[in-house]
Amino acid sequence: MDLSLEKQVEALLLADLTSTEFSNRVFGQFHGLFARMCSNVEDRKTLIGSALWKSAQARLRELEQRDFEKIRRLTSQTASV
């Protein structure tokens, strides 16, 4: 795997992004960092088992939960107005 791309993923793990932004930048099918790291099926299999992949998946879940809570708060504020 390309170390510079790995470093970019690691930086995004700490970035304040929406879940959509994070997902597109890291997991995007054609231009995402993980797609750029893997040139074949074997690379993809190795990546999916890696700690970096698991960390990115966990971060995506965190961001999705945060985004969901933000939307929930906004809709509950709107409903009470």
C-alpha atoms as a PDB file:
ATOM      1  CA  MET A   1       0.000   0.000   0.000  1.00  0.00           C
ATOM      2  CA  ASP A   2       1.031   3.565  -0.669  1.00  0.00           C
ATOM      3  CA  LEU A   3       2.310   5.104   2.567  1.00  0.00           C
ATOM      4  CA  SER A   4       1.404   8.660   1.557  1.00  0.00           C
ATOM      5  CA  LEU A   5      -2.192   7.573   0.956  1.00  0.00           C
ATOM      6  CA  GLU A   6      -2.207   5.819   4.323  1.00  0.00           C
ATOM      7  CA  LYS A   7      -1.019   9.040   5.969  1.00  0.00           C
ATOM      8  CA  GLN A   8      -3.833  10.932   4.252  1.00  0.00           C
ATOM      9  CA  VAL A   9      -6.379   8.452   5.613  1.00  0.00           C
ATOM     10  CA  GLU A  10      -4.861   8.783   9.085  1.00  0.00           C
ATOM     11  CA  ALA A  11      -5.191  12.578   8.851  1.00  0.00           C
ATOM     12  CA  LEU A  12      -8.831  12.270   7.794  1.00  0.00           C
ATOM     13  CA  LEU A  13      -9.522  10.040  10.808  1.00  0.00           C
ATOM     14  CA  LEU A  14      -8.871  13.148  12.926  1.00  0.00           C
ATOM     15  CA  ALA A  15     -10.572  15.687  10.663  1.00  0.00           C
ATOM     16  CA  ASP A  16     -13.855  17.364  11.530  1.00  0.00           C
ATOM     17  CA  LEU A  17     -15.918  16.218   8.542  1.00  0.00           C
ATOM     18  CA  THR A  18     -19.471  15.111   7.969  1.00  0.00           C
ATOM     19  CA  SER A  19     -19.981  11.403   7.491  1.00  0.00           C
ATOM     20  CA  THR A  20     -20.658  11.994   3.798  1.00  0.00           C
ATOM     21  CA  GLU A  21     -17.460  13.975   3.304  1.00  0.00           C
ATOM     22  CA  PHE A  22     -15.412  11.370   5.158  1.00  0.00           C
ATOM     23  CA  SER A  23     -17.008   8.480   3.280  1.00  0.00           C
ATOM     24  CA  ASN A  24     -16.445  10.078  -0.117  1.00  0.00           C
ATOM     25  CA  ARG A  25     -12.832  10.995   0.594  1.00  0.00           C
ATOM     26  CA  VAL A  26     -11.876   7.655   2.117  1.00  0.00           C
ATOM     27  CA  PHE A  27     -14.231   5.046   0.646  1.00  0.00           C
ATOM     28  CA  GLY A  28     -15.287   6.683  -2.641  1.00  0.00           C
ATOM     29  CA  GLN A  29     -15.453   4.097  -5.399  1.00  0.00           C
ATOM     30  CA  PHE A  30     -13.281   5.866  -7.974  1.00  0.00           C
ATOM     31  CA  HIS A  31     -11.464   8.702  -6.219  1.00  0.00           C
ATOM     32  CA  GLY A  32     -11.458   7.621  -2.573  1.00  0.00           C
ATOM     33  CA  LEU A  33      -8.125   7.027  -0.925  1.00  0.00           C
ATOM     34  CA  PHE A  34      -8.771   3.318  -0.382  1.00  0.00           C
ATOM     35  CA  ALA A  35      -9.719   2.842  -4.039  1.00  0.00           C
ATOM     36  CA  ARG A  36      -6.464   4.521  -5.026  1.00  0.00           C
ATOM     37  CA  MET A  37      -4.480   2.229  -2.699  1.00  0.00           C
ATOM     38  CA  CYS A  38      -5.681  -0.984  -4.299  1.00  0.00           C
ATOM     39  CA  SER A  39      -4.882  -2.016  -7.828  1.00  0.00           C
ATOM     40  CA  ASN A  40      -6.264  -5.565  -7.616  1.00  0.00           C
ATOM     41  CA  VAL A  41      -8.528  -7.914  -5.666  1.00  0.00           C
ATOM     42  CA  GLU A  42      -5.721  -9.208  -3.458  1.00  0.00           C
ATOM     43  CA  ASP A  43      -4.836  -5.658  -2.398  1.00  0.00           C
ATOM     44  CA  ARG A  44      -8.496  -5.059  -1.520  1.00  0.00           C
ATOM     45  CA  LYS A  45      -8.666  -8.238   0.563  1.00  0.00           C
ATOM     46  CA  THR A  46      -5.541  -7.210   2.453  1.00  0.00           C
ATOM     47  CA  LEU A  47      -6.873  -3.697   2.988  1.00  0.00           C
ATOM     48  CA  ILE A  48     -10.215  -4.896   4.356  1.00  0.00           C
ATOM     49  CA  GLY A  49      -8.391  -6.896   7.022  1.00  0.00           C
ATOM     50  CA  SER A  50      -6.137  -4.011   8.031  1.00  0.00           C
ATOM     51  CA  ALA A  51      -6.273  -1.910  11.176  1.00  0.00           C
ATOM     52  CA  LEU A  52      -6.499   1.218   9.006  1.00  0.00           C
ATOM     53  CA  TRP A  53      -9.685  -0.044   7.318  1.00  0.00           C
ATOM     54  CA  LYS A  54     -11.211  -0.989  10.669  1.00  0.00           C
ATOM     55  CA  SER A  55     -10.341   2.422  12.110  1.00  0.00           C
ATOM     56  CA  ALA A  56     -11.893   4.152   9.117  1.00  0.00           C
ATOM     57  CA  GLN A  57     -15.057   2.052   9.445  1.00  0.00           C
ATOM     58  CA  ALA A  58     -15.298   2.911  13.151  1.00  0.00           C
ATOM     59  CA  ARG A  59     -14.745   6.618  12.456  1.00  0.00           C
ATOM     60  CA  LEU A  60     -17.421   6.574   9.771  1.00  0.00           C
ATOM     61  CA  ARG A  61     -19.893   5.063  12.251  1.00  0.00           C
ATOM     62  CA  GLU A  62     -18.994   7.781  14.791  1.00  0.00           C
ATOM     63  CA  LEU A  63     -19.523  10.524  12.236  1.00  0.00           C
ATOM     64  CA  GLU A  64     -22.805   8.999  11.064  1.00  0.00           C
ATOM     65  CA  GLN A  65     -24.039   8.905  14.656  1.00  0.00           C
ATOM     66  CA  ARG A  66     -22.971  12.514  15.211  1.00  0.00           C
ATOM     67  CA  ASP A  67     -24.705  13.621  12.006  1.00  0.00           C
ATOM     68  CA  PHE A  68     -27.839  11.701  12.960  1.00  0.00           C
ATOM     69  CA  GLU A  69     -27.915  13.353  16.396  1.00  0.00           C
ATOM     70  CA  LYS A  70     -27.462  16.781  14.833  1.00  0.00           C
ATOM     71  CA  ILE A  71     -30.370  16.183  12.451  1.00  0.00           C
ATOM     72  CA  ARG A  72     -32.494  14.801  15.293  1.00  0.00           C
ATOM     73  CA  ARG A  73     -31.849  17.928  17.395  1.00  0.00           C
ATOM     74  CA  LEU A  74     -32.655  20.224  14.481  1.00  0.00           C
ATOM     75  CA  THR A  75     -35.881  18.420  13.663  1.00  0.00           C
ATOM     76  CA  SER A  76     -36.984  18.350  17.295  1.00  0.00           C
ATOM     77  CA  GLN A  77     -36.301  22.110  17.576  1.00  0.00           C
ATOM     78  CA  THR A  78     -38.282  22.721  14.395  1.00  0.00           C
ATOM     79  CA  ALA A  79     -41.159  20.557  15.630  1.00  0.00           C
ATOM     80  CA  SER A  80     -41.376  22.480  18.908  1.00  0.00           C
ATOM     81  CA  VAL A  81     -41.524  25.912  17.222  1.00  0.00           C
END
